[in-house]
C-alpha atoms as a PDB file:
ATOM      1  CA  MET A   1      21.512   1.880  28.188  1.00  0.00           C
ATOM      2  CA  VAL A   2      17.819   1.047  27.955  1.00  0.00           C
ATOM      3  CA  LYS A   3      16.541  -1.244  25.231  1.00  0.00           C
ATOM      4  CA  VAL A   4      13.748   0.018  22.973  1.00  0.00           C
ATOM      5  CA  LEU A   5      11.690  -2.006  20.519  1.00  0.00           C
ATOM      6  CA  ILE A   6       9.959  -0.123  17.683  1.00  0.00           C
ATOM      7  CA  ASN A   7       6.748  -1.876  16.671  1.00  0.00           C
ATOM      8  CA  GLY A   8       5.931  -0.455  13.252  1.00  0.00           C
ATOM      9  CA  TYR A   9       8.792   0.908  11.138  1.00  0.00           C
ATOM     10  CA  GLY A  10       6.777   3.366   9.059  1.00  0.00           C
ATOM     11  CA  SER A  11       6.480   7.138   8.821  1.00  0.00           C
ATOM     12  CA  ILE A  12       6.804   7.750  12.582  1.00  0.00           C
ATOM     13  CA  GLY A  13       8.588   4.548  13.588  1.00  0.00           C
ATOM     14  CA  LYS A  14      11.628   5.068  11.386  1.00  0.00           C
ATOM     15  CA  ARG A  15      12.016   8.626  12.635  1.00  0.00           C
ATOM     16  CA  VAL A  16      11.734   7.576  16.281  1.00  0.00           C
ATOM     17  CA  ALA A  17      14.267   4.788  15.681  1.00  0.00           C
ATOM     18  CA  ASP A  18      16.792   7.223  14.216  1.00  0.00           C
ATOM     19  CA  ALA A  19      16.223   9.683  17.079  1.00  0.00           C
ATOM     20  CA  ILE A  20      16.779   6.935  19.663  1.00  0.00           C
ATOM     21  CA  GLU A  21      20.072   6.001  18.030  1.00  0.00           C
ATOM     22  CA  MET A  22      21.225   9.616  18.530  1.00  0.00           C
ATOM     23  CA  GLN A  23      20.725   9.393  22.307  1.00  0.00           C
ATOM     24  CA  LYS A  24      23.409   8.271  24.757  1.00  0.00           C
ATOM     25  CA  ASP A  25      21.062   6.524  27.200  1.00  0.00           C
ATOM     26  CA  MET A  26      19.000   4.292  24.903  1.00  0.00           C
ATOM     27  CA  GLU A  27      19.302   1.938  21.949  1.00  0.00           C
ATOM     28  CA  VAL A  28      17.047   0.255  19.388  1.00  0.00           C
ATOM     29  CA  ILE A  29      17.099  -3.527  19.808  1.00  0.00           C
ATOM     30  CA  GLY A  30      14.770  -4.154  16.889  1.00  0.00           C
ATOM     31  CA  VAL A  31      12.078  -2.853  14.560  1.00  0.00           C
ATOM     32  CA  THR A  32       9.061  -4.637  13.134  1.00  0.00           C
ATOM     33  CA  LYS A  33       7.264  -4.631   9.789  1.00  0.00           C
ATOM     34  CA  THR A  34       4.061  -6.339   8.681  1.00  0.00           C
ATOM     35  CA  ARG A  35       5.255  -6.820   5.097  1.00  0.00           C
ATOM     36  CA  PRO A  36       8.532  -6.956   3.154  1.00  0.00           C
ATOM     37  CA  ASN A  37       8.572  -3.542   1.465  1.00  0.00           C
ATOM     38  CA  PHE A  38      11.338  -1.013   0.784  1.00  0.00           C
ATOM     39  CA  GLU A  39      11.208   0.235   4.390  1.00  0.00           C
ATOM     40  CA  ALA A  40      12.002  -3.278   5.610  1.00  0.00           C
ATOM     41  CA  LYS A  41      15.059  -3.348   3.352  1.00  0.00           C
ATOM     42  CA  MET A  42      16.102   0.126   4.478  1.00  0.00           C
ATOM     43  CA  ALA A  43      15.846  -0.890   8.139  1.00  0.00           C
ATOM     44  CA  ILE A  44      18.333  -3.705   7.574  1.00  0.00           C
ATOM     45  CA  GLU A  45      20.632  -1.455   5.535  1.00  0.00           C
ATOM     46  CA  LYS A  46      20.672   1.014   8.429  1.00  0.00           C
ATOM     47  CA  GLY A  47      21.698  -1.738  10.827  1.00  0.00           C
ATOM     48  CA  TYR A  48      18.414  -2.337  12.637  1.00  0.00           C
ATOM     49  CA  LYS A  49      17.433  -5.883  13.476  1.00  0.00           C
ATOM     50  CA  LEU A  50      14.187  -6.611  11.650  1.00  0.00           C
ATOM     51  CA  TYR A  51      11.330  -8.720  13.003  1.00  0.00           C
ATOM     52  CA  ALA A  52       7.979  -9.701  11.563  1.00  0.00           C
ATOM     53  CA  ALA A  53       5.175  -7.902  13.395  1.00  0.00           C
ATOM     54  CA  ILE A  54       2.842 -10.803  12.558  1.00  0.00           C
ATOM     55  CA  PRO A  55       4.469 -14.236  13.073  1.00  0.00           C
ATOM     56  CA  GLU A  56       2.372 -15.861  10.333  1.00  0.00           C
ATOM     57  CA  ARG A  57       3.960 -13.519   7.782  1.00  0.00           C
ATOM     58  CA  LYS A  58       7.566 -14.527   8.383  1.00  0.00           C
ATOM     59  CA  SER A  59       7.516 -16.595   5.192  1.00  0.00           C
ATOM     60  CA  LEU A  60       6.659 -13.488   3.137  1.00  0.00           C
ATOM     61  CA  PHE A  61       9.958 -11.924   4.150  1.00  0.00           C
ATOM     62  CA  GLU A  62      11.871 -15.101   3.356  1.00  0.00           C
ATOM     63  CA  GLU A  63      10.225 -15.357  -0.064  1.00  0.00           C
ATOM     64  CA  SER A  64      11.214 -11.763  -0.779  1.00  0.00           C
ATOM     65  CA  GLY A  65      14.837 -12.429   0.135  1.00  0.00           C
ATOM     66  CA  ILE A  66      14.714 -10.211   3.230  1.00  0.00           C
ATOM     67  CA  GLU A  67      16.456 -11.818   6.182  1.00  0.00           C
ATOM     68  CA  ILE A  68      14.665 -11.268   9.481  1.00  0.00           C
ATOM     69  CA  GLU A  69      15.573 -12.175  13.053  1.00  0.00           C
ATOM     70  CA  GLY A  70      12.220 -13.791  13.800  1.00  0.00           C
ATOM     71  CA  SER A  71       8.907 -12.363  14.962  1.00  0.00           C
ATOM     72  CA  ILE A  72       8.117  -9.695  17.534  1.00  0.00           C
ATOM     73  CA  PHE A  73       7.624 -12.444  20.126  1.00  0.00           C
ATOM     74  CA  ASP A  74      11.301 -13.405  19.767  1.00  0.00           C
ATOM     75  CA  VAL A  75      12.447  -9.987  20.960  1.00  0.00           C
ATOM     76  CA  ILE A  76       9.696  -8.387  23.049  1.00  0.00           C
ATOM     77  CA  GLU A  77      10.909  -9.907  26.341  1.00  0.00           C
ATOM     78  CA  GLU A  78      14.309  -8.242  25.847  1.00  0.00           C
ATOM     79  CA  ALA A  79      12.765  -4.764  25.620  1.00  0.00           C
ATOM     80  CA  ASP A  80      12.561  -2.289  28.484  1.00  0.00           C
ATOM     81  CA  ILE A  81       9.881  -0.443  26.531  1.00  0.00           C
ATOM     82  CA  VAL A  82       8.033  -0.690  23.209  1.00  0.00           C
ATOM     83  CA  VAL A  83       7.271   2.363  21.098  1.00  0.00           C
ATOM     84  CA  ASP A  84       4.170   1.381  19.134  1.00  0.00           C
ATOM     85  CA  CYS A  85       4.128   3.242  15.810  1.00  0.00           C
ATOM     86  CA  THR A  86       1.529   1.085  14.101  1.00  0.00           C
ATOM     87  CA  PRO A  87      -1.406   2.633  12.174  1.00  0.00           C
ATOM     88  CA  GLY A  88      -4.190   4.235  14.202  1.00  0.00           C
ATOM     89  CA  GLY A  89      -6.438   1.692  15.885  1.00  0.00           C
ATOM     90  CA  VAL A  90      -3.847  -1.097  15.876  1.00  0.00           C
ATOM     91  CA  GLY A  91      -2.025   0.096  18.991  1.00  0.00           C
ATOM     92  CA  LYS A  92      -5.128  -0.439  21.100  1.00  0.00           C
ATOM     93  CA  ASP A  93      -5.094  -4.154  20.226  1.00  0.00           C
ATOM     94  CA  ASN A  94      -1.332  -4.385  20.711  1.00  0.00           C
ATOM     95  CA  LEU A  95      -1.723  -3.000  24.213  1.00  0.00           C
ATOM     96  CA  GLU A  96      -3.041  -6.363  25.395  1.00  0.00           C
ATOM     97  CA  VAL A  97       0.132  -8.029  24.095  1.00  0.00           C
ATOM     98  CA  TYR A  98       2.357  -5.575  25.949  1.00  0.00           C
ATOM     99  CA  LYS A  99       0.449  -6.165  29.167  1.00  0.00           C
ATOM    100  CA  LYS A 100       0.729  -9.925  28.716  1.00  0.00           C
ATOM    101  CA  TYR A 101       4.511  -9.642  28.372  1.00  0.00           C
ATOM    102  CA  ASN A 102       4.712  -7.079  31.196  1.00  0.00           C
ATOM    103  CA  VAL A 103       6.559  -4.527  29.058  1.00  0.00           C
ATOM    104  CA  LYS A 104       5.974  -0.769  29.147  1.00  0.00           C
ATOM    105  CA  ALA A 105       4.628   0.774  25.956  1.00  0.00           C
ATOM    106  CA  ILE A 106       4.070   4.123  24.263  1.00  0.00           C
ATOM    107  CA  LEU A 107       1.132   4.496  21.880  1.00  0.00           C
ATOM    108  CA  GLN A 108       0.790   7.269  19.299  1.00  0.00           C
ATOM    109  CA  GLY A 109      -1.805   9.985  18.798  1.00  0.00           C
ATOM    110  CA  GLY A 110      -3.923   7.881  16.463  1.00  0.00           C
ATOM    111  CA  GLU A 111      -5.194   5.948  19.485  1.00  0.00           C
ATOM    112  CA  LYS A 112      -7.891   7.122  21.895  1.00  0.00           C
ATOM    113  CA  ALA A 113      -6.797   9.004  24.997  1.00  0.00           C
ATOM    114  CA  HIS A 114      -8.672   6.742  27.423  1.00  0.00           C
ATOM    115  CA  TYR A 115      -6.847   3.561  26.390  1.00  0.00           C
ATOM    116  CA  VAL A 116      -3.789   4.505  28.450  1.00  0.00           C
ATOM    117  CA  GLU A 117      -2.870   5.742  31.914  1.00  0.00           C
ATOM    118  CA  ASP A 118      -2.081   9.265  30.734  1.00  0.00           C
ATOM    119  CA  ASN A 119      -1.244  11.385  27.684  1.00  0.00           C
ATOM    120  CA  PHE A 120       2.190  12.832  27.105  1.00  0.00           C
ATOM    121  CA  ASN A 121       3.664  16.146  26.134  1.00  0.00           C
ATOM    122  CA  SER A 122       7.200  16.993  27.212  1.00  0.00           C
ATOM    123  CA  LEU A 123       6.292  20.464  28.491  1.00  0.00           C
ATOM    124  CA  TRP A 124       3.025  19.675  30.239  1.00  0.00           C
ATOM    125  CA  SER A 125       2.794  16.088  31.508  1.00  0.00           C
ATOM    126  CA  TYR A 126       6.325  14.696  31.931  1.00  0.00           C
ATOM    127  CA  ASP A 127       5.938  14.487  35.712  1.00  0.00           C
ATOM    128  CA  ARG A 128       2.472  12.898  35.541  1.00  0.00           C
ATOM    129  CA  CYS A 129       3.752  10.140  33.245  1.00  0.00           C
ATOM    130  CA  TYR A 130       6.889   9.488  35.312  1.00  0.00           C
ATOM    131  CA  GLY A 131       7.271   5.767  35.987  1.00  0.00           C
ATOM    132  CA  LYS A 132       3.934   4.790  34.411  1.00  0.00           C
ATOM    133  CA  ASP A 133       3.517   1.752  32.174  1.00  0.00           C
ATOM    134  CA  TYR A 134       1.218   2.702  29.284  1.00  0.00           C
ATOM    135  CA  ILE A 135       1.235   6.209  27.873  1.00  0.00           C
ATOM    136  CA  ARG A 136       0.089   7.875  24.645  1.00  0.00           C
ATOM    137  CA  THR A 137       2.120  10.606  22.970  1.00  0.00           C
ATOM    138  CA  VAL A 138      -0.483  12.931  21.504  1.00  0.00           C
ATOM    139  CA  SER A 139      -0.911  13.714  17.810  1.00  0.00           C
ATOM    140  CA  CYS A 140       1.120  16.141  15.731  1.00  0.00           C
ATOM    141  CA  ASN A 141      -1.598  18.804  15.902  1.00  0.00           C
ATOM    142  CA  THR A 142      -2.092  18.422  19.645  1.00  0.00           C
ATOM    143  CA  THR A 143       1.675  18.542  20.164  1.00  0.00           C
ATOM    144  CA  GLY A 144       1.869  21.789  18.216  1.00  0.00           C
ATOM    145  CA  LEU A 145      -1.000  23.304  20.180  1.00  0.00           C
ATOM    146  CA  CYS A 146       0.499  22.221  23.516  1.00  0.00           C
ATOM    147  CA  ARG A 147       3.762  23.968  22.680  1.00  0.00           C
ATOM    148  CA  ILE A 148       2.263  27.306  21.663  1.00  0.00           C
ATOM    149  CA  LEU A 149      -0.180  27.271  24.580  1.00  0.00           C
ATOM    150  CA  TYR A 150       2.773  26.665  26.916  1.00  0.00           C
ATOM    151  CA  ALA A 151       4.558  29.693  25.435  1.00  0.00           C
ATOM    152  CA  ILE A 152       1.494  31.920  25.853  1.00  0.00           C
ATOM    153  CA  ASN A 153       0.699  30.521  29.306  1.00  0.00           C
ATOM    154  CA  SER A 154       4.253  31.320  30.427  1.00  0.00           C
ATOM    155  CA  VAL A 155       3.587  35.053  30.121  1.00  0.00           C
ATOM    156  CA  THR A 156      -0.159  35.432  30.784  1.00  0.00           C
ATOM    157  CA  GLU A 157      -3.276  33.586  31.925  1.00  0.00           C
ATOM    158  CA  ILE A 158      -5.212  31.897  29.112  1.00  0.00           C
ATOM    159  CA  LEU A 159      -8.947  32.454  29.471  1.00  0.00           C
ATOM    160  CA  LYS A 160     -10.161  30.896  26.235  1.00  0.00           C
ATOM    161  CA  ALA A 161      -8.712  29.760  22.918  1.00  0.00           C
ATOM    162  CA  ARG A 162     -10.276  29.352  19.502  1.00  0.00           C
ATOM    163  CA  VAL A 163      -8.248  27.445  16.928  1.00  0.00           C
ATOM    164  CA  VAL A 164      -8.799  26.753  13.241  1.00  0.00           C
ATOM    165  CA  LEU A 165      -6.716  23.829  11.992  1.00  0.00           C
ATOM    166  CA  ILE A 166      -5.927  23.687   8.276  1.00  0.00           C
ATOM    167  CA  ARG A 167      -4.804  20.120   7.855  1.00  0.00           C
ATOM    168  CA  ARG A 168      -2.764  18.570   5.078  1.00  0.00           C
ATOM    169  CA  GLY A 169      -4.737  16.074   3.023  1.00  0.00           C
ATOM    170  CA  ALA A 170      -2.222  13.224   3.347  1.00  0.00           C
ATOM    171  CA  ASP A 171       1.438  12.567   4.008  1.00  0.00           C
ATOM    172  CA  PRO A 172       3.733  12.914   0.968  1.00  0.00           C
ATOM    173  CA  ASN A 173       4.021   9.139   0.505  1.00  0.00           C
ATOM    174  CA  ASP A 174       0.310   8.425   0.849  1.00  0.00           C
ATOM    175  CA  ILE A 175      -1.455   8.133  -2.521  1.00  0.00           C
ATOM    176  CA  LYS A 176      -4.558   6.395  -1.160  1.00  0.00           C
ATOM    177  CA  LYS A 177      -6.313   9.358   0.426  1.00  0.00           C
ATOM    178  CA  GLY A 178      -6.594  13.128   0.553  1.00  0.00           C
ATOM    179  CA  PRO A 179      -8.694  15.694  -1.317  1.00  0.00           C
ATOM    180  CA  ILE A 180      -7.566  16.426  -4.869  1.00  0.00           C
ATOM    181  CA  ASN A 181      -9.735  19.413  -5.791  1.00  0.00           C
ATOM    182  CA  ALA A 182     -11.632  20.228  -2.621  1.00  0.00           C
ATOM    183  CA  ILE A 183     -11.532  21.754   0.834  1.00  0.00           C
ATOM    184  CA  VAL A 184     -13.157  19.334   3.240  1.00  0.00           C
ATOM    185  CA  PRO A 185     -14.547  20.083   6.725  1.00  0.00           C
ATOM    186  CA  ASN A 186     -12.890  17.368   8.790  1.00  0.00           C
ATOM    187  CA  PRO A 187     -14.852  16.804  10.910  1.00  0.00           C
ATOM    188  CA  PRO A 188     -17.862  18.804   9.684  1.00  0.00           C
ATOM    189  CA  THR A 189     -18.954  19.253  13.305  1.00  0.00           C
ATOM    190  CA  VAL A 190     -17.734  22.102  15.492  1.00  0.00           C
ATOM    191  CA  PRO A 191     -15.999  21.867  17.856  1.00  0.00           C
ATOM    192  CA  SER A 192     -13.618  19.204  16.574  1.00  0.00           C
ATOM    193  CA  HIS A 193     -11.879  16.580  18.716  1.00  0.00           C
ATOM    194  CA  HIS A 194      -8.615  18.527  18.902  1.00  0.00           C
ATOM    195  CA  GLY A 195      -9.675  20.695  21.849  1.00  0.00           C
ATOM    196  CA  PRO A 196     -10.541  17.731  24.096  1.00  0.00           C
ATOM    197  CA  ASP A 197      -7.284  16.086  23.009  1.00  0.00           C
ATOM    198  CA  VAL A 198      -5.368  19.094  24.326  1.00  0.00           C
ATOM    199  CA  GLY A 199      -7.425  18.693  27.515  1.00  0.00           C
ATOM    200  CA  SER A 200      -6.168  15.105  27.859  1.00  0.00           C
ATOM    201  CA  VAL A 201      -2.705  16.597  28.348  1.00  0.00           C
ATOM    202  CA  ILE A 202      -3.657  19.871  30.051  1.00  0.00           C
ATOM    203  CA  PRO A 203      -6.764  19.206  32.173  1.00  0.00           C
ATOM    204  CA  GLU A 204      -6.983  22.828  33.315  1.00  0.00           C
ATOM    205  CA  PHE A 205      -7.708  23.835  29.706  1.00  0.00           C
ATOM    206  CA  ASN A 206     -10.739  21.553  29.376  1.00  0.00           C
ATOM    207  CA  GLY A 207     -13.648  23.660  28.165  1.00  0.00           C
ATOM    208  CA  LYS A 208     -11.394  26.600  27.357  1.00  0.00           C
ATOM    209  CA  ILE A 209     -10.337  25.488  23.865  1.00  0.00           C
ATOM    210  CA  VAL A 210     -12.705  25.330  20.902  1.00  0.00           C
ATOM    211  CA  THR A 211     -11.337  23.940  17.639  1.00  0.00           C
ATOM    212  CA  SER A 212     -12.507  23.405  14.091  1.00  0.00           C
ATOM    213  CA  ALA A 213     -10.631  21.710  11.282  1.00  0.00           C
ATOM    214  CA  ILE A 214     -10.530  21.451   7.501  1.00  0.00           C
ATOM    215  CA  ILE A 215      -8.306  19.453   5.168  1.00  0.00           C
ATOM    216  CA  VAL A 216      -6.796  20.926   2.023  1.00  0.00           C
ATOM    217  CA  PRO A 217      -4.945  19.504  -1.024  1.00  0.00           C
ATOM    218  CA  THR A 218      -1.377  19.681   0.282  1.00  0.00           C
ATOM    219  CA  THR A 219       1.007  17.148   1.803  1.00  0.00           C
ATOM    220  CA  LEU A 220       3.702  19.303   3.384  1.00  0.00           C
ATOM    221  CA  MET A 221       2.425  20.607   6.725  1.00  0.00           C
ATOM    222  CA  HIS A 222      -0.586  21.515   8.841  1.00  0.00           C
ATOM    223  CA  MET A 223      -1.307  25.127   9.744  1.00  0.00           C
ATOM    224  CA  HIS A 224      -3.024  26.563  12.839  1.00  0.00           C
ATOM    225  CA  SER A 225      -4.690  29.931  13.252  1.00  0.00           C
ATOM    226  CA  LEU A 226      -5.083  30.789  16.950  1.00  0.00           C
ATOM    227  CA  MET A 227      -7.198  33.400  18.726  1.00  0.00           C
ATOM    228  CA  VAL A 228      -6.459  33.274  22.454  1.00  0.00           C
ATOM    229  CA  GLU A 229      -8.198  35.412  25.061  1.00  0.00           C
ATOM    230  CA  THR A 230      -5.882  36.287  27.955  1.00  0.00           C
ATOM    231  CA  SER A 231      -5.965  38.220  31.206  1.00  0.00           C
ATOM    232  CA  GLY A 232      -3.584  40.745  29.675  1.00  0.00           C
ATOM    233  CA  THR A 233      -0.412  40.703  27.601  1.00  0.00           C
ATOM    234  CA  THR A 234       1.546  42.377  24.799  1.00  0.00           C
ATOM    235  CA  ARG A 235       2.932  41.282  21.457  1.00  0.00           C
ATOM    236  CA  GLU A 236       6.447  41.646  22.823  1.00  0.00           C
ATOM    237  CA  ALA A 237       5.649  39.373  25.772  1.00  0.00           C
ATOM    238  CA  ILE A 238       4.214  36.680  23.499  1.00  0.00           C
ATOM    239  CA  ILE A 239       7.306  36.750  21.289  1.00  0.00           C
ATOM    240  CA  GLU A 240       9.491  36.494  24.405  1.00  0.00           C
ATOM    241  CA  GLY A 241       7.438  33.515  25.604  1.00  0.00           C
ATOM    242  CA  ILE A 242       7.944  31.772  22.263  1.00  0.00           C
ATOM    243  CA  GLU A 243      11.676  32.477  22.303  1.00  0.00           C
ATOM    244  CA  LYS A 244      12.004  30.898  25.753  1.00  0.00           C
ATOM    245  CA  THR A 245       9.922  27.807  24.954  1.00  0.00           C
ATOM    246  CA  PRO A 246      11.752  24.743  23.574  1.00  0.00           C
ATOM    247  CA  ARG A 247      10.877  23.354  20.148  1.00  0.00           C
ATOM    248  CA  ILE A 248       9.059  26.447  18.902  1.00  0.00           C
ATOM    249  CA  PHE A 249      10.477  29.496  17.137  1.00  0.00           C
ATOM    250  CA  THR A 250       9.466  32.458  14.998  1.00  0.00           C
ATOM    251  CA  VAL A 251       9.977  32.801  11.255  1.00  0.00           C
ATOM    252  CA  SER A 252       9.650  35.891   9.099  1.00  0.00           C
ATOM    253  CA  ALA A 253       7.598  36.081   5.909  1.00  0.00           C
ATOM    254  CA  GLU A 254       9.636  39.160   4.989  1.00  0.00           C
ATOM    255  CA  GLU A 255      12.719  36.952   4.800  1.00  0.00           C
ATOM    256  CA  GLY A 256      10.999  34.634   2.335  1.00  0.00           C
ATOM    257  CA  LEU A 257       9.569  32.115   4.788  1.00  0.00           C
ATOM    258  CA  ASN A 258       6.078  33.011   3.654  1.00  0.00           C
ATOM    259  CA  SER A 259       4.491  29.577   3.188  1.00  0.00           C
ATOM    260  CA  THR A 260       4.687  25.969   4.309  1.00  0.00           C
ATOM    261  CA  ALA A 261       6.593  25.245   1.087  1.00  0.00           C
ATOM    262  CA  THR A 262       9.375  27.700   1.891  1.00  0.00           C
ATOM    263  CA  ILE A 263       9.517  26.469   5.499  1.00  0.00           C
ATOM    264  CA  ILE A 264      10.072  22.930   4.212  1.00  0.00           C
ATOM    265  CA  GLU A 265      12.767  24.314   1.908  1.00  0.00           C
ATOM    266  CA  TYR A 266      14.337  25.894   4.997  1.00  0.00           C
ATOM    267  CA  ALA A 267      14.383  22.462   6.664  1.00  0.00           C
ATOM    268  CA  ARG A 268      16.090  21.065   3.571  1.00  0.00           C
ATOM    269  CA  ASP A 269      18.684  23.823   3.691  1.00  0.00           C
ATOM    270  CA  LEU A 270      19.297  23.038   7.359  1.00  0.00           C
ATOM    271  CA  GLY A 271      20.314  19.586   6.148  1.00  0.00           C
ATOM    272  CA  ARG A 272      17.532  17.844   8.024  1.00  0.00           C
ATOM    273  CA  ASN A 273      17.071  14.163   7.310  1.00  0.00           C
ATOM    274  CA  ARG A 274      13.823  13.672   5.319  1.00  0.00           C
ATOM    275  CA  TYR A 275      13.460  17.510   5.553  1.00  0.00           C
ATOM    276  CA  ASP A 276      12.028  17.031   9.058  1.00  0.00           C
ATOM    277  CA  LEU A 277      11.175  20.073  11.139  1.00  0.00           C
ATOM    278  CA  ASN A 278      10.599  18.803  14.680  1.00  0.00           C
ATOM    279  CA  GLU A 279      10.136  22.357  15.933  1.00  0.00           C
ATOM    280  CA  ILE A 280       7.002  24.496  15.459  1.00  0.00           C
ATOM    281  CA  PRO A 281       7.501  27.663  13.345  1.00  0.00           C
ATOM    282  CA  VAL A 282       5.307  30.661  14.180  1.00  0.00           C
ATOM    283  CA  TRP A 283       5.008  33.508  11.686  1.00  0.00           C
ATOM    284  CA  GLU A 284       6.278  36.589  13.508  1.00  0.00           C
ATOM    285  CA  GLU A 285       4.147  38.926  11.396  1.00  0.00           C
ATOM    286  CA  SER A 286       1.018  37.026  12.448  1.00  0.00           C
ATOM    287  CA  ILE A 287       1.570  37.649  16.157  1.00  0.00           C
ATOM    288  CA  ASN A 288      -0.706  40.424  17.332  1.00  0.00           C
ATOM    289  CA  VAL A 289      -2.546  41.393  20.514  1.00  0.00           C
ATOM    290  CA  VAL A 290      -5.869  43.262  20.355  1.00  0.00           C
ATOM    291  CA  ASP A 291      -7.723  43.982  23.614  1.00  0.00           C
ATOM    292  CA  ASN A 292      -5.669  41.249  25.360  1.00  0.00           C
ATOM    293  CA  GLU A 293      -6.568  38.681  22.677  1.00  0.00           C
ATOM    294  CA  VAL A 294      -3.581  36.999  21.033  1.00  0.00           C
ATOM    295  CA  PHE A 295      -3.643  36.219  17.322  1.00  0.00           C
ATOM    296  CA  LEU A 296      -1.025  34.128  15.547  1.00  0.00           C
ATOM    297  CA  MET A 297      -0.434  31.462  12.914  1.00  0.00           C
ATOM    298  CA  GLN A 298       1.895  28.479  13.096  1.00  0.00           C
ATOM    299  CA  ALA A 299       2.846  25.475  10.974  1.00  0.00           C
ATOM    300  CA  VAL A 300       3.223  21.831  12.036  1.00  0.00           C
ATOM    301  CA  HIS A 301       5.337  19.248  10.239  1.00  0.00           C
ATOM    302  CA  GLN A 302       3.055  16.297  10.812  1.00  0.00           C
ATOM    303  CA  GLU A 303       5.672  13.611  10.193  1.00  0.00           C
ATOM    304  CA  SER A 304       8.230  14.782  12.725  1.00  0.00           C
ATOM    305  CA  ASP A 305       7.101  17.110  15.536  1.00  0.00           C
ATOM    306  CA  VAL A 306       6.093  14.195  17.813  1.00  0.00           C
ATOM    307  CA  VAL A 307       9.465  12.434  17.465  1.00  0.00           C
ATOM    308  CA  PRO A 308      11.351  14.246  20.270  1.00  0.00           C
ATOM    309  CA  GLU A 309       8.277  13.842  22.493  1.00  0.00           C
ATOM    310  CA  ASN A 310       8.604  10.068  22.162  1.00  0.00           C
ATOM    311  CA  ILE A 311      12.225  10.282  23.310  1.00  0.00           C
ATOM    312  CA  ASP A 312      11.307  12.305  26.392  1.00  0.00           C
ATOM    313  CA  CYS A 313       8.403   9.956  27.080  1.00  0.00           C
ATOM    314  CA  ILE A 314      10.820   7.012  27.211  1.00  0.00           C
ATOM    315  CA  ARG A 315      12.920   8.838  29.805  1.00  0.00           C
ATOM    316  CA  SER A 316       9.868   9.725  31.867  1.00  0.00           C
ATOM    317  CA  MET A 317       8.342   6.238  31.892  1.00  0.00           C
ATOM    318  CA  LEU A 318      11.648   4.511  32.623  1.00  0.00           C
ATOM    319  CA  GLN A 319      12.589   7.175  35.201  1.00  0.00           C
ATOM    320  CA  LEU A 320      15.885   7.931  33.499  1.00  0.00           C
ATOM    321  CA  VAL A 321      15.701  11.701  34.072  1.00  0.00           C
ATOM    322  CA  ASP A 322      13.492  13.283  36.740  1.00  0.00           C
ATOM    323  CA  ASP A 323      13.341  16.782  35.207  1.00  0.00           C
ATOM    324  CA  ASN A 324      11.475  17.445  31.962  1.00  0.00           C
ATOM    325  CA  MET A 325      13.601  20.406  30.899  1.00  0.00           C
ATOM    326  CA  LYS A 326      16.775  18.389  31.367  1.00  0.00           C
ATOM    327  CA  SER A 327      15.376  15.600  29.178  1.00  0.00           C
ATOM    328  CA  ILE A 328      14.242  18.124  26.570  1.00  0.00           C
ATOM    329  CA  GLU A 329      17.717  19.646  26.524  1.00  0.00           C
ATOM    330  CA  MET A 330      19.337  16.204  26.149  1.00  0.00           C
ATOM    331  CA  THR A 331      17.011  15.236  23.306  1.00  0.00           C
ATOM    332  CA  ASN A 332      17.323  18.542  21.496  1.00  0.00           C
ATOM    333  CA  LYS A 333      21.121  18.524  21.677  1.00  0.00           C
ATOM    334  CA  ALA A 334      21.375  14.955  20.418  1.00  0.00           C
ATOM    335  CA  MET A 335      18.976  15.647  17.532  1.00  0.00           C
ATOM    336  CA  GLY A 336      20.497  19.028  16.677  1.00  0.00           C
ATOM    337  CA  LEU A 337      17.258  20.955  17.117  1.00  0.00           C
ATOM    338  CA  LEU A 338      17.088  24.757  16.972  1.00  0.00           C
ATOM    339  CA  LYS A 339      17.567  26.755  20.222  1.00  0.00           C
END
């Protein structure tokens, strides 16, 4: 049983913590918070040992009546690995702490790709990250793109891909940012950074993927529209590739799953905690092939699709399982994912 420390018990951290607790080969030895908010109280109620991420702020927790175990430096030496789920830009600074304490660490997609030894996706780079010390699990959008590109690549050669990302303005709990009555090019330059980020995981696709992105006034999910040039394929082959690829599945607009809102309702009806949809839904009606070019649209639940990737990344870095598909199967079964 390997010991995992979650540094940052927020939107991603609390989901990763819960996913770890579902696994048979790992356990959470503690979670950290920078301030005594409702998430800190919830962590304790769920049975997680709580630590102050910043030692100087321990008194804030005490003043708020929240009992903590100490600071991160009281637990970090016990950890086999740290999953850093702090806000973007913070993980880079934390990396120096992890190196000082000689503990392996996983950073999230909000950090730059070059800060770490390699970039992780369960389907594409499990073997490359095996046994390494400092790895980044890529962002929700990059994770979604890696999965669909794997499905397409499994049945045909990808020559070039063009992707338009329609991004949610903010997460549901974030009232500080996001467009209210606007559609915002984000970034306004084309191509966007998402293509090179895919290349950090799949080097052979560098230069083959061109992306652009906009943000819209919604909080539920991202959406991707893909146009992928191939060496030759059919609609039936693409659907078969999706069906065989883990953590991605087709949905039908005809059956009422005709928007991100109804897909989230589907996740609620599945009984998913926090209505998470770790898998990537692809609209079956959108899948088409014209002159060997694949067209399709998919949705990405930005709060949860990277969670199972973090679990597999732990297994890869700690050399718990030497086969990516076996780890994926273990994670999916424990989390109750589709397929």
